[in-house]
N, C-alpha and C. Protein backbone atom coordinates (compact mmCIF):
# COMPACT_ATOMS: atom_id res chain seq x y z
N MET A 1 0.85 -1.17 0.00
CA MET A 1 0.00 0.00 0.00
C MET A 1 0.90 1.24 0.00
N SER A 2 0.49 2.28 -0.71
CA SER A 2 1.22 3.53 -0.80
C SER A 2 0.35 4.66 -0.30
N ASP A 3 0.94 5.61 0.42
CA ASP A 3 0.16 6.76 0.85
C ASP A 3 0.39 7.92 -0.12
N SER A 4 -0.18 9.06 0.14
CA SER A 4 -0.09 10.19 -0.79
C SER A 4 1.33 10.72 -0.95
N SER A 5 2.21 10.45 -0.02
CA SER A 5 3.59 10.91 -0.13
C SER A 5 4.46 9.95 -0.92
N GLY A 6 3.89 8.83 -1.37
CA GLY A 6 4.65 7.85 -2.12
C GLY A 6 5.31 6.81 -1.23
N LEU A 7 5.14 6.95 0.08
CA LEU A 7 5.70 5.98 1.01
C LEU A 7 4.86 4.71 0.99
N ALA A 8 5.50 3.58 0.76
CA ALA A 8 4.80 2.30 0.78
C ALA A 8 5.00 1.68 2.15
N THR A 9 3.92 1.16 2.76
CA THR A 9 3.98 0.60 4.10
C THR A 9 3.23 -0.72 4.16
N VAL A 10 3.83 -1.69 4.84
CA VAL A 10 3.18 -2.98 5.11
C VAL A 10 3.43 -3.32 6.57
N ILE A 11 2.40 -3.84 7.25
CA ILE A 11 2.52 -4.27 8.65
C ILE A 11 2.46 -5.80 8.68
N LEU A 12 3.40 -6.42 9.40
CA LEU A 12 3.47 -7.86 9.50
C LEU A 12 3.51 -8.27 10.97
N VAL A 13 3.14 -9.51 11.26
CA VAL A 13 3.28 -10.06 12.59
C VAL A 13 4.11 -11.34 12.48
N ILE A 14 5.23 -11.35 13.20
CA ILE A 14 6.16 -12.48 13.20
C ILE A 14 6.08 -13.10 14.59
N ASP A 15 5.63 -14.36 14.67
CA ASP A 15 5.34 -14.98 15.97
C ASP A 15 6.54 -15.53 16.72
N THR A 16 7.58 -16.00 16.01
CA THR A 16 8.69 -16.69 16.67
C THR A 16 10.03 -16.26 16.06
N PRO A 17 11.13 -16.52 16.75
CA PRO A 17 12.44 -16.26 16.15
C PRO A 17 12.65 -17.04 14.85
N GLU A 18 12.14 -18.26 14.79
CA GLU A 18 12.27 -19.06 13.57
C GLU A 18 11.56 -18.38 12.40
N GLN A 19 10.38 -17.82 12.68
CA GLN A 19 9.66 -17.10 11.63
C GLN A 19 10.40 -15.82 11.23
N MET A 20 11.04 -15.16 12.19
CA MET A 20 11.82 -13.96 11.87
C MET A 20 12.95 -14.32 10.92
N SER A 21 13.59 -15.44 11.17
CA SER A 21 14.65 -15.91 10.28
C SER A 21 14.09 -16.25 8.89
N GLU A 22 12.94 -16.93 8.87
CA GLU A 22 12.30 -17.26 7.59
C GLU A 22 11.88 -16.00 6.84
N PHE A 23 11.46 -14.98 7.58
CA PHE A 23 11.12 -13.71 6.97
C PHE A 23 12.36 -13.12 6.28
N GLY A 24 13.52 -13.23 6.93
CA GLY A 24 14.76 -12.78 6.31
C GLY A 24 15.05 -13.52 5.01
N VAL A 25 14.83 -14.84 5.00
CA VAL A 25 15.01 -15.63 3.77
C VAL A 25 14.07 -15.12 2.69
N PHE A 26 12.82 -14.87 3.06
CA PHE A 26 11.80 -14.37 2.12
C PHE A 26 12.23 -13.04 1.51
N VAL A 27 12.69 -12.10 2.34
CA VAL A 27 13.10 -10.79 1.86
C VAL A 27 14.32 -10.91 0.94
N ALA A 28 15.25 -11.81 1.27
CA ALA A 28 16.47 -11.98 0.48
C ALA A 28 16.17 -12.25 -0.99
N ALA A 29 15.10 -12.95 -1.26
CA ALA A 29 14.74 -13.31 -2.64
C ALA A 29 14.39 -12.07 -3.48
N HIS A 30 14.20 -10.93 -2.83
CA HIS A 30 13.79 -9.72 -3.54
C HIS A 30 14.88 -8.66 -3.59
N LEU A 31 16.10 -9.01 -3.18
CA LEU A 31 17.17 -8.03 -3.07
C LEU A 31 18.21 -8.19 -4.18
N THR A 32 18.82 -7.05 -4.53
CA THR A 32 19.90 -7.04 -5.51
C THR A 32 20.97 -6.05 -5.03
N ALA A 33 22.10 -6.04 -5.72
CA ALA A 33 23.18 -5.11 -5.39
C ALA A 33 22.63 -3.69 -5.36
N GLY A 34 23.04 -2.93 -4.37
CA GLY A 34 22.60 -1.55 -4.21
C GLY A 34 21.44 -1.39 -3.25
N ASP A 35 20.85 -2.50 -2.82
CA ASP A 35 19.73 -2.41 -1.88
C ASP A 35 20.22 -2.13 -0.47
N LEU A 36 19.45 -1.30 0.22
CA LEU A 36 19.78 -0.87 1.57
C LEU A 36 18.59 -1.13 2.48
N LEU A 37 18.85 -1.79 3.61
CA LEU A 37 17.82 -2.10 4.59
C LEU A 37 18.19 -1.47 5.92
N ALA A 38 17.25 -0.75 6.51
CA ALA A 38 17.43 -0.14 7.83
C ALA A 38 16.62 -0.95 8.82
N LEU A 39 17.26 -1.42 9.89
CA LEU A 39 16.58 -2.20 10.93
C LEU A 39 16.58 -1.40 12.22
N ASN A 40 15.40 -1.19 12.78
CA ASN A 40 15.28 -0.46 14.02
C ASN A 40 14.37 -1.22 14.98
N GLY A 41 14.73 -1.22 16.23
CA GLY A 41 13.96 -1.89 17.28
C GLY A 41 14.84 -2.04 18.50
N GLU A 42 14.20 -2.25 19.63
CA GLU A 42 14.95 -2.35 20.88
C GLU A 42 15.85 -3.59 20.89
N LEU A 43 16.71 -3.68 21.91
CA LEU A 43 17.54 -4.86 22.09
C LEU A 43 16.64 -6.09 22.16
N GLY A 44 17.01 -7.15 21.46
CA GLY A 44 16.25 -8.38 21.50
C GLY A 44 15.02 -8.40 20.61
N ALA A 45 14.85 -7.38 19.77
CA ALA A 45 13.66 -7.30 18.92
C ALA A 45 13.70 -8.33 17.79
N GLY A 46 14.91 -8.70 17.34
CA GLY A 46 15.02 -9.68 16.26
C GLY A 46 15.80 -9.19 15.05
N LYS A 47 16.52 -8.07 15.19
CA LYS A 47 17.26 -7.50 14.08
C LYS A 47 18.33 -8.46 13.55
N THR A 48 19.12 -9.01 14.44
CA THR A 48 20.18 -9.93 14.01
C THR A 48 19.59 -11.26 13.55
N THR A 49 18.52 -11.72 14.18
CA THR A 49 17.87 -12.96 13.75
C THR A 49 17.36 -12.80 12.32
N PHE A 50 16.75 -11.65 12.01
CA PHE A 50 16.30 -11.36 10.66
C PHE A 50 17.50 -11.38 9.70
N THR A 51 18.59 -10.75 10.09
CA THR A 51 19.77 -10.66 9.22
C THR A 51 20.39 -12.02 9.00
N ARG A 52 20.37 -12.90 10.00
CA ARG A 52 20.86 -14.28 9.80
C ARG A 52 20.03 -14.98 8.72
N GLY A 53 18.72 -14.82 8.78
CA GLY A 53 17.84 -15.39 7.76
C GLY A 53 18.13 -14.80 6.39
N LEU A 54 18.37 -13.50 6.35
CA LEU A 54 18.73 -12.83 5.11
C LEU A 54 20.00 -13.44 4.53
N GLY A 55 21.00 -13.64 5.40
CA GLY A 55 22.25 -14.26 4.96
C GLY A 55 22.03 -15.67 4.43
N ARG A 56 21.17 -16.41 5.10
CA ARG A 56 20.86 -17.77 4.64
C ARG A 56 20.19 -17.73 3.28
N GLY A 57 19.23 -16.80 3.11
CA GLY A 57 18.54 -16.67 1.84
C GLY A 57 19.46 -16.22 0.71
N LEU A 58 20.45 -15.40 1.04
CA LEU A 58 21.41 -14.94 0.05
C LEU A 58 22.55 -15.94 -0.17
N GLU A 59 22.56 -16.98 0.66
CA GLU A 59 23.60 -18.02 0.59
C GLU A 59 25.00 -17.43 0.76
N VAL A 60 25.15 -16.60 1.81
CA VAL A 60 26.47 -16.04 2.09
C VAL A 60 27.37 -17.13 2.66
N ARG A 61 28.67 -16.92 2.51
CA ARG A 61 29.63 -17.84 3.10
C ARG A 61 29.84 -17.46 4.56
N GLY A 62 29.90 -18.45 5.41
CA GLY A 62 30.13 -18.20 6.83
C GLY A 62 28.86 -17.88 7.58
N THR A 63 29.03 -17.64 8.87
CA THR A 63 27.91 -17.39 9.77
C THR A 63 27.70 -15.89 9.93
N VAL A 64 26.47 -15.47 9.91
CA VAL A 64 26.14 -14.06 10.16
C VAL A 64 26.03 -13.88 11.67
N THR A 65 26.89 -13.02 12.20
CA THR A 65 26.85 -12.70 13.62
C THR A 65 26.76 -11.18 13.77
N SER A 66 26.39 -10.74 14.94
CA SER A 66 26.26 -9.30 15.18
C SER A 66 27.62 -8.62 15.08
N PRO A 67 27.69 -7.53 14.32
CA PRO A 67 28.96 -6.81 14.19
C PRO A 67 29.14 -5.72 15.24
N THR A 68 28.57 -5.91 16.42
CA THR A 68 28.57 -4.88 17.45
C THR A 68 29.95 -4.29 17.72
N PHE A 69 30.97 -5.12 17.85
CA PHE A 69 32.28 -4.61 18.24
C PHE A 69 33.16 -4.22 17.06
N VAL A 70 32.83 -4.71 15.86
CA VAL A 70 33.63 -4.35 14.68
C VAL A 70 32.90 -3.34 13.80
N LEU A 71 31.67 -3.03 14.12
CA LEU A 71 30.78 -2.09 13.43
C LEU A 71 30.23 -2.63 12.11
N ALA A 72 31.03 -3.32 11.31
CA ALA A 72 30.52 -3.83 10.03
C ALA A 72 31.24 -5.12 9.66
N ARG A 73 30.49 -6.05 9.11
CA ARG A 73 31.04 -7.31 8.60
C ARG A 73 30.57 -7.48 7.17
N THR A 74 31.46 -7.93 6.32
CA THR A 74 31.11 -8.25 4.95
C THR A 74 31.04 -9.75 4.81
N HIS A 75 29.92 -10.24 4.30
CA HIS A 75 29.69 -11.66 4.10
C HIS A 75 29.66 -11.93 2.59
N PRO A 76 30.75 -12.51 2.06
CA PRO A 76 30.80 -12.76 0.62
C PRO A 76 29.82 -13.85 0.18
N ARG A 77 29.49 -13.79 -1.10
CA ARG A 77 28.60 -14.78 -1.72
C ARG A 77 29.26 -15.27 -2.99
N ASP A 78 28.97 -16.48 -3.37
CA ASP A 78 29.42 -16.99 -4.66
C ASP A 78 28.47 -16.47 -5.73
N GLY A 79 28.97 -15.64 -6.63
CA GLY A 79 28.16 -15.18 -7.75
C GLY A 79 27.12 -14.13 -7.43
N GLY A 80 27.30 -13.35 -6.39
CA GLY A 80 26.33 -12.31 -6.08
C GLY A 80 26.94 -11.21 -5.24
N ALA A 81 26.18 -10.15 -5.09
CA ALA A 81 26.62 -9.02 -4.27
C ALA A 81 26.80 -9.47 -2.83
N PRO A 82 27.87 -9.04 -2.17
CA PRO A 82 28.06 -9.42 -0.76
C PRO A 82 27.01 -8.77 0.12
N LEU A 83 26.78 -9.38 1.26
CA LEU A 83 25.93 -8.80 2.31
C LEU A 83 26.85 -8.06 3.27
N VAL A 84 26.59 -6.79 3.48
CA VAL A 84 27.33 -6.01 4.46
C VAL A 84 26.38 -5.74 5.61
N HIS A 85 26.77 -6.17 6.81
CA HIS A 85 25.94 -6.09 8.02
C HIS A 85 26.59 -5.07 8.94
N VAL A 86 25.90 -3.96 9.19
CA VAL A 86 26.42 -2.86 9.99
C VAL A 86 25.63 -2.75 11.29
N ASP A 87 26.33 -2.54 12.39
CA ASP A 87 25.69 -2.23 13.66
C ASP A 87 26.05 -0.78 13.97
N ALA A 88 25.08 0.12 13.79
CA ALA A 88 25.34 1.55 13.94
C ALA A 88 25.07 2.05 15.36
N TYR A 89 24.89 1.14 16.30
CA TYR A 89 24.55 1.53 17.68
C TYR A 89 25.55 2.54 18.25
N ARG A 90 26.84 2.34 17.99
CA ARG A 90 27.87 3.21 18.56
C ARG A 90 28.25 4.38 17.64
N LEU A 91 27.58 4.48 16.49
CA LEU A 91 27.85 5.61 15.59
C LEU A 91 26.95 6.78 15.96
N SER A 92 27.44 7.98 15.75
CA SER A 92 26.64 9.15 16.14
C SER A 92 26.06 9.91 14.96
N SER A 93 26.47 9.57 13.73
CA SER A 93 25.95 10.32 12.58
C SER A 93 26.14 9.53 11.29
N ALA A 94 25.46 10.02 10.25
CA ALA A 94 25.61 9.43 8.92
C ALA A 94 27.05 9.59 8.42
N VAL A 95 27.74 10.65 8.86
CA VAL A 95 29.13 10.87 8.46
C VAL A 95 29.99 9.70 8.95
N GLU A 96 29.77 9.25 10.18
CA GLU A 96 30.54 8.11 10.70
C GLU A 96 30.22 6.83 9.94
N LEU A 97 28.96 6.66 9.52
CA LEU A 97 28.62 5.51 8.68
C LEU A 97 29.36 5.60 7.36
N ASP A 98 29.41 6.78 6.77
CA ASP A 98 30.14 6.99 5.52
C ASP A 98 31.63 6.68 5.69
N ASP A 99 32.17 6.98 6.87
CA ASP A 99 33.60 6.73 7.14
C ASP A 99 33.95 5.24 7.11
N LEU A 100 32.94 4.36 7.21
CA LEU A 100 33.20 2.92 7.15
C LEU A 100 33.56 2.47 5.74
N ASP A 101 33.39 3.37 4.77
CA ASP A 101 33.79 3.13 3.37
C ASP A 101 33.12 1.88 2.79
N ILE A 102 31.81 1.79 2.96
CA ILE A 102 31.03 0.67 2.45
C ILE A 102 30.66 0.94 0.99
N ASP A 103 30.78 -0.07 0.17
CA ASP A 103 30.39 0.04 -1.24
C ASP A 103 28.89 -0.23 -1.34
N PHE A 104 28.09 0.81 -1.14
CA PHE A 104 26.64 0.67 -1.13
C PHE A 104 26.09 0.25 -2.49
N GLU A 105 26.72 0.66 -3.56
CA GLU A 105 26.20 0.36 -4.90
C GLU A 105 26.41 -1.09 -5.31
N GLU A 106 27.45 -1.73 -4.82
CA GLU A 106 27.78 -3.09 -5.24
C GLU A 106 27.47 -4.14 -4.17
N SER A 107 26.85 -3.73 -3.07
CA SER A 107 26.56 -4.63 -1.96
C SER A 107 25.08 -4.56 -1.60
N ILE A 108 24.64 -5.54 -0.84
CA ILE A 108 23.35 -5.48 -0.16
C ILE A 108 23.70 -5.11 1.28
N VAL A 109 23.22 -3.98 1.74
CA VAL A 109 23.64 -3.45 3.04
C VAL A 109 22.47 -3.43 4.02
N VAL A 110 22.72 -4.00 5.20
CA VAL A 110 21.76 -3.99 6.30
C VAL A 110 22.38 -3.18 7.43
N VAL A 111 21.66 -2.16 7.90
CA VAL A 111 22.15 -1.33 8.99
C VAL A 111 21.21 -1.47 10.18
N GLU A 112 21.71 -2.10 11.25
CA GLU A 112 20.96 -2.16 12.50
C GLU A 112 21.15 -0.84 13.23
N TRP A 113 20.12 -0.42 13.97
CA TRP A 113 20.13 0.86 14.69
C TRP A 113 20.34 1.99 13.69
N ALA A 114 19.58 1.97 12.61
CA ALA A 114 19.79 2.88 11.48
C ALA A 114 19.13 4.24 11.62
N GLU A 115 18.35 4.44 12.66
CA GLU A 115 17.63 5.71 12.84
C GLU A 115 18.56 6.90 12.69
N GLY A 116 18.30 7.77 11.71
CA GLY A 116 19.09 8.97 11.49
C GLY A 116 20.44 8.75 10.85
N MET A 117 20.72 7.53 10.41
CA MET A 117 22.05 7.22 9.86
C MET A 117 22.09 7.19 8.33
N LEU A 118 20.97 7.29 7.66
CA LEU A 118 20.96 7.05 6.22
C LEU A 118 20.84 8.32 5.38
N ASP A 119 20.96 9.48 6.01
CA ASP A 119 20.85 10.74 5.27
C ASP A 119 21.88 10.79 4.14
N GLY A 120 21.37 10.88 2.92
CA GLY A 120 22.24 11.01 1.76
C GLY A 120 22.92 9.74 1.29
N VAL A 121 22.68 8.62 1.95
CA VAL A 121 23.34 7.37 1.58
C VAL A 121 22.73 6.78 0.31
N SER A 122 21.41 6.85 0.19
CA SER A 122 20.73 6.25 -0.95
C SER A 122 19.41 6.96 -1.18
N ASP A 123 18.91 6.90 -2.41
CA ASP A 123 17.60 7.49 -2.67
C ASP A 123 16.47 6.49 -2.46
N SER A 124 16.83 5.20 -2.20
CA SER A 124 15.83 4.16 -1.95
C SER A 124 16.32 3.23 -0.85
N TRP A 125 15.42 2.88 0.07
CA TRP A 125 15.75 1.90 1.09
C TRP A 125 14.48 1.33 1.69
N LEU A 126 14.63 0.20 2.35
CA LEU A 126 13.55 -0.41 3.12
C LEU A 126 13.84 -0.16 4.59
N ASP A 127 12.84 0.32 5.31
CA ASP A 127 12.98 0.54 6.74
C ASP A 127 12.12 -0.47 7.48
N PHE A 128 12.74 -1.28 8.33
CA PHE A 128 12.05 -2.29 9.14
C PHE A 128 12.03 -1.81 10.58
N ARG A 129 10.84 -1.52 11.12
CA ARG A 129 10.69 -1.15 12.52
C ARG A 129 10.10 -2.36 13.23
N ILE A 130 10.89 -2.99 14.11
CA ILE A 130 10.47 -4.22 14.79
C ILE A 130 10.10 -3.87 16.22
N ASP A 131 8.83 -4.10 16.55
CA ASP A 131 8.34 -3.83 17.90
C ASP A 131 8.09 -5.14 18.62
N ARG A 132 8.65 -5.24 19.80
CA ARG A 132 8.47 -6.43 20.64
C ARG A 132 7.62 -6.05 21.84
N PRO A 133 6.41 -6.61 21.94
CA PRO A 133 5.56 -6.27 23.09
C PRO A 133 6.07 -6.93 24.36
N VAL A 134 6.63 -6.16 25.24
CA VAL A 134 7.17 -6.68 26.50
C VAL A 134 6.02 -7.16 27.38
N GLY A 135 6.17 -8.36 27.93
CA GLY A 135 5.16 -8.91 28.82
C GLY A 135 4.01 -9.59 28.11
N ALA A 136 4.15 -9.86 26.81
CA ALA A 136 3.06 -10.46 26.05
C ALA A 136 2.70 -11.85 26.56
N THR A 137 3.68 -12.59 27.10
CA THR A 137 3.39 -13.95 27.55
C THR A 137 2.50 -13.96 28.78
N GLU A 138 2.44 -12.85 29.52
CA GLU A 138 1.55 -12.79 30.69
C GLU A 138 0.09 -12.91 30.28
N SER A 139 -0.26 -12.36 29.10
CA SER A 139 -1.65 -12.41 28.65
C SER A 139 -1.98 -13.73 27.96
N ASP A 140 -0.95 -14.54 27.63
CA ASP A 140 -1.17 -15.83 26.98
C ASP A 140 -0.37 -16.88 27.74
N PRO A 141 -0.97 -17.54 28.74
CA PRO A 141 -0.24 -18.49 29.57
C PRO A 141 0.28 -19.70 28.79
N GLU A 142 -0.25 -19.96 27.59
CA GLU A 142 0.21 -21.08 26.78
C GLU A 142 1.43 -20.73 25.94
N ALA A 143 1.78 -19.44 25.86
CA ALA A 143 2.90 -19.00 25.04
C ALA A 143 4.22 -19.49 25.62
N GLU A 144 5.16 -19.76 24.71
CA GLU A 144 6.49 -20.19 25.13
C GLU A 144 7.17 -19.04 25.87
N GLU A 145 7.81 -19.34 26.98
CA GLU A 145 8.47 -18.34 27.81
C GLU A 145 9.47 -17.53 26.99
N GLY A 146 9.35 -16.20 27.04
CA GLY A 146 10.31 -15.32 26.37
C GLY A 146 10.08 -15.14 24.89
N VAL A 147 9.06 -15.75 24.32
CA VAL A 147 8.80 -15.61 22.89
C VAL A 147 7.52 -14.80 22.71
N GLU A 148 7.69 -13.56 22.31
CA GLU A 148 6.55 -12.70 22.06
C GLU A 148 6.49 -12.41 20.57
N PRO A 149 5.28 -12.35 20.01
CA PRO A 149 5.16 -11.98 18.60
C PRO A 149 5.73 -10.58 18.38
N ARG A 150 6.33 -10.39 17.24
CA ARG A 150 6.86 -9.08 16.86
C ARG A 150 5.94 -8.46 15.82
N ARG A 151 5.73 -7.18 15.95
CA ARG A 151 5.03 -6.42 14.92
C ARG A 151 6.11 -5.73 14.10
N VAL A 152 6.09 -5.95 12.80
CA VAL A 152 7.11 -5.39 11.92
C VAL A 152 6.45 -4.46 10.92
N ARG A 153 6.84 -3.21 10.99
CA ARG A 153 6.37 -2.23 10.01
C ARG A 153 7.47 -2.05 8.98
N VAL A 154 7.14 -2.28 7.73
CA VAL A 154 8.10 -2.12 6.64
C VAL A 154 7.67 -0.92 5.81
N ASP A 155 8.55 0.07 5.73
CA ASP A 155 8.31 1.25 4.91
C ASP A 155 9.30 1.24 3.75
N GLY A 156 8.78 1.41 2.55
CA GLY A 156 9.62 1.50 1.37
C GLY A 156 9.79 2.95 0.98
N TYR A 157 11.03 3.38 0.83
CA TYR A 157 11.35 4.75 0.45
C TYR A 157 12.01 4.77 -0.92
N GLY A 158 11.67 5.76 -1.71
CA GLY A 158 12.33 5.98 -2.99
C GLY A 158 11.77 5.14 -4.12
N PRO A 159 12.30 5.37 -5.31
CA PRO A 159 11.76 4.72 -6.50
C PRO A 159 11.88 3.19 -6.49
N ARG A 160 12.90 2.65 -5.90
CA ARG A 160 13.09 1.19 -5.88
C ARG A 160 11.98 0.49 -5.09
N TRP A 161 11.48 1.12 -4.04
CA TRP A 161 10.54 0.46 -3.13
C TRP A 161 9.18 1.15 -3.08
N GLN A 162 8.75 1.75 -4.20
CA GLN A 162 7.42 2.35 -4.27
C GLN A 162 6.32 1.32 -4.13
N ASN A 163 6.62 0.10 -4.49
CA ASN A 163 5.63 -0.97 -4.49
C ASN A 163 6.11 -2.10 -3.60
N LEU A 164 5.32 -2.45 -2.61
CA LEU A 164 5.66 -3.56 -1.71
C LEU A 164 4.66 -4.72 -1.86
N ASP A 165 4.10 -4.87 -3.05
CA ASP A 165 3.13 -5.95 -3.28
C ASP A 165 3.69 -7.32 -2.91
N TRP A 166 4.97 -7.53 -3.10
CA TRP A 166 5.59 -8.81 -2.77
C TRP A 166 5.48 -9.11 -1.27
N LEU A 167 5.40 -8.07 -0.44
CA LEU A 167 5.21 -8.26 1.01
C LEU A 167 3.74 -8.43 1.35
N GLU A 168 2.88 -7.81 0.57
CA GLU A 168 1.44 -7.89 0.82
C GLU A 168 0.95 -9.34 0.83
N SER A 169 1.58 -10.19 0.02
CA SER A 169 1.15 -11.57 -0.09
C SER A 169 1.92 -12.52 0.81
N SER A 170 2.76 -11.98 1.70
CA SER A 170 3.56 -12.84 2.57
C SER A 170 2.68 -13.49 3.64
N PRO A 171 3.12 -14.63 4.18
CA PRO A 171 2.32 -15.31 5.21
C PRO A 171 2.24 -14.55 6.54
N TRP A 172 3.02 -13.50 6.69
CA TRP A 172 3.04 -12.75 7.95
C TRP A 172 2.18 -11.50 7.91
N ARG A 173 1.54 -11.25 6.80
CA ARG A 173 0.71 -10.04 6.61
C ARG A 173 -0.44 -10.06 7.60
N THR A 174 -0.72 -8.91 8.22
CA THR A 174 -1.82 -8.82 9.19
C THR A 174 -3.13 -8.55 8.48
């Protein structure tokens, strides 16, 4: 769905960490070199779990782990654009992100904690806002301890992501 400003938005519900990983695999099938994904949500929301699924879907070499202490990790692929996984938690501005010297045009780039970090980086990106309802298991005594459904809002910005129909038909659509 698109609003009058051209922003495309889809709301999804992801019930488990396994589904969050599968969602990453699903999204990977729609990505190409030059694509930029912004992931935002509190600690434990599922940003890295999503990115692991993305890496699996892109068939990157090696294991996708959080780049918290190194800020960015490049995960090569056989025959495709590498996945660059950035943790911007300790960065204070888009200038510091630019200082990492990432090849945005030839890579698929995922930036965790991306709020305010993408100014001027690209004219198109996908923004994933992952909300984890704290205390959700209290209202559902049958729920697995510590596993709360996540609400994921996906906003598409720019000409590349004007249309999110591919997400509209996903199994996680609300």
